Amino acid sequence: MINPFKKWKPKGKIYSFRCSQCGDAFISSHNLDAPLCGTCIQKIKSLDSTVDNDKKCSECGNIGVIYGKDRCHSCYFNFKKDN
């Protein structure tokens, strides 16, 4: 049987990292300053899209801030409307 990956080699450099959150090992073609594996990056992305409706935004005063932050999506990402 012929192995199609026997002669395959990646182009460029490959870096080996250990995730700073969970400790799992993974590889990347980019030299990362803060290594996070795919699972942990998805957890962080889902937390950034979660809204905490019990708090007020520190900039505009609207109710509903990003979980773990003190500003709403509009203020955090500078989506403010010019009136």
C-alpha atoms as a PDB file:
ATOM      1  CA  MET A   1       0.000   0.000   0.000  1.00  0.00           C
ATOM      2  CA  ILE A   2       1.305   3.456  -0.893  1.00  0.00           C
ATOM      3  CA  ASN A   3       1.352   6.087   1.847  1.00  0.00           C
ATOM      4  CA  PRO A   4       0.429   9.484   0.286  1.00  0.00           C
ATOM      5  CA  PHE A   5       1.966  11.423   3.209  1.00  0.00           C
ATOM      6  CA  LYS A   6       5.319   9.662   3.148  1.00  0.00           C
ATOM      7  CA  LYS A   7       7.029  12.367   1.090  1.00  0.00           C
ATOM      8  CA  TRP A   8       4.867  15.287   2.212  1.00  0.00           C
ATOM      9  CA  LYS A   9       6.757  18.062   3.956  1.00  0.00           C
ATOM     10  CA  PRO A  10       5.337  21.359   5.173  1.00  0.00           C
ATOM     11  CA  LYS A  11       6.435  24.537   3.448  1.00  0.00           C
ATOM     12  CA  GLY A  12       8.064  27.081   5.716  1.00  0.00           C
ATOM     13  CA  LYS A  13       8.679  26.708   9.428  1.00  0.00           C
ATOM     14  CA  ILE A  14       6.518  24.725  11.822  1.00  0.00           C
ATOM     15  CA  TYR A  15       6.444  25.731  15.489  1.00  0.00           C
ATOM     16  CA  SER A  16       5.539  23.453  18.370  1.00  0.00           C
ATOM     17  CA  PHE A  17       3.650  25.076  21.250  1.00  0.00           C
ATOM     18  CA  ARG A  18       1.998  24.197  24.524  1.00  0.00           C
ATOM     19  CA  CYS A  19      -1.358  25.939  25.127  1.00  0.00           C
ATOM     20  CA  SER A  20      -1.086  28.524  27.898  1.00  0.00           C
ATOM     21  CA  GLN A  21      -4.647  27.754  29.088  1.00  0.00           C
ATOM     22  CA  CYS A  22      -5.022  23.963  29.112  1.00  0.00           C
ATOM     23  CA  GLY A  23      -1.446  22.754  28.501  1.00  0.00           C
ATOM     24  CA  ASP A  24      -2.185  20.695  25.367  1.00  0.00           C
ATOM     25  CA  ALA A  25       0.511  20.546  22.702  1.00  0.00           C
ATOM     26  CA  PHE A  26      -0.190  21.783  19.175  1.00  0.00           C
ATOM     27  CA  ILE A  27       1.688  22.952  16.091  1.00  0.00           C
ATOM     28  CA  SER A  28       1.356  26.151  14.088  1.00  0.00           C
ATOM     29  CA  SER A  29       2.983  27.691  11.047  1.00  0.00           C
ATOM     30  CA  HIS A  30       3.050  31.053  12.877  1.00  0.00           C
ATOM     31  CA  ASN A  31       5.360  32.002  15.731  1.00  0.00           C
ATOM     32  CA  LEU A  32       2.724  32.906  18.338  1.00  0.00           C
ATOM     33  CA  ASP A  33       3.376  35.216  21.300  1.00  0.00           C
ATOM     34  CA  ALA A  34       0.443  33.858  23.334  1.00  0.00           C
ATOM     35  CA  PRO A  35      -0.139  30.251  22.244  1.00  0.00           C
ATOM     36  CA  LEU A  36      -3.736  29.009  22.537  1.00  0.00           C
ATOM     37  CA  CYS A  37      -4.989  25.739  21.070  1.00  0.00           C
ATOM     38  CA  GLY A  38      -8.084  25.621  18.874  1.00  0.00           C
ATOM     39  CA  THR A  39     -10.356  24.462  21.700  1.00  0.00           C
ATOM     40  CA  CYS A  40      -9.344  27.278  24.065  1.00  0.00           C
ATOM     41  CA  ILE A  41      -9.569  29.932  21.351  1.00  0.00           C
ATOM     42  CA  GLN A  42     -13.164  28.850  20.663  1.00  0.00           C
ATOM     43  CA  LYS A  43     -13.996  29.150  24.372  1.00  0.00           C
ATOM     44  CA  ILE A  44     -12.588  32.673  24.440  1.00  0.00           C
ATOM     45  CA  LYS A  45     -14.491  33.658  21.301  1.00  0.00           C
ATOM     46  CA  SER A  46     -17.749  32.389  22.775  1.00  0.00           C
ATOM     47  CA  LEU A  47     -17.167  34.377  25.998  1.00  0.00           C
ATOM     48  CA  ASP A  48     -16.610  37.563  23.964  1.00  0.00           C
ATOM     49  CA  SER A  49     -19.981  37.091  22.289  1.00  0.00           C
ATOM     50  CA  THR A  50     -21.826  36.444  25.574  1.00  0.00           C
ATOM     51  CA  VAL A  51     -23.711  39.430  26.985  1.00  0.00           C
ATOM     52  CA  ASP A  52     -24.133  40.081  30.711  1.00  0.00           C
ATOM     53  CA  ASN A  53     -27.468  41.900  30.961  1.00  0.00           C
ATOM     54  CA  ASP A  54     -27.096  42.715  34.672  1.00  0.00           C
ATOM     55  CA  LYS A  55     -24.385  45.369  34.197  1.00  0.00           C
ATOM     56  CA  LYS A  56     -24.301  48.833  32.637  1.00  0.00           C
ATOM     57  CA  CYS A  57     -21.707  49.967  30.120  1.00  0.00           C
ATOM     58  CA  SER A  58     -19.104  52.234  31.702  1.00  0.00           C
ATOM     59  CA  GLU A  59     -18.969  54.494  28.598  1.00  0.00           C
ATOM     60  CA  CYS A  60     -22.497  54.885  27.242  1.00  0.00           C
ATOM     61  CA  GLY A  61     -24.599  53.603  30.163  1.00  0.00           C
ATOM     62  CA  ASN A  62     -26.575  51.030  28.139  1.00  0.00           C
ATOM     63  CA  ILE A  63     -27.489  47.772  29.863  1.00  0.00           C
ATOM     64  CA  GLY A  64     -25.720  44.685  28.514  1.00  0.00           C
ATOM     65  CA  VAL A  65     -21.939  44.372  28.533  1.00  0.00           C
ATOM     66  CA  ILE A  66     -19.565  41.752  27.161  1.00  0.00           C
ATOM     67  CA  TYR A  67     -19.091  38.976  29.727  1.00  0.00           C
ATOM     68  CA  GLY A  68     -16.101  39.792  31.920  1.00  0.00           C
ATOM     69  CA  LYS A  69     -15.749  43.334  30.538  1.00  0.00           C
ATOM     70  CA  ASP A  70     -17.229  46.691  31.544  1.00  0.00           C
ATOM     71  CA  ARG A  71     -18.299  47.928  28.094  1.00  0.00           C
ATOM     72  CA  CYS A  72     -21.012  46.976  25.587  1.00  0.00           C
ATOM     73  CA  HIS A  73     -20.213  45.630  22.094  1.00  0.00           C
ATOM     74  CA  SER A  74     -20.656  49.063  20.474  1.00  0.00           C
ATOM     75  CA  CYS A  75     -18.203  50.784  22.812  1.00  0.00           C
ATOM     76  CA  TYR A  76     -15.753  47.863  23.022  1.00  0.00           C
ATOM     77  CA  PHE A  77     -15.424  47.505  19.234  1.00  0.00           C
ATOM     78  CA  ASN A  78     -15.928  51.248  18.479  1.00  0.00           C
ATOM     79  CA  PHE A  79     -19.212  50.724  16.572  1.00  0.00           C
ATOM     80  CA  LYS A  80     -20.624  53.996  17.913  1.00  0.00           C
ATOM     81  CA  LYS A  81     -23.032  55.780  15.615  1.00  0.00           C
ATOM     82  CA  ASP A  82     -22.262  59.399  14.720  1.00  0.00           C
ATOM     83  CA  ASN A  83     -25.465  61.388  15.233  1.00  0.00           C
END
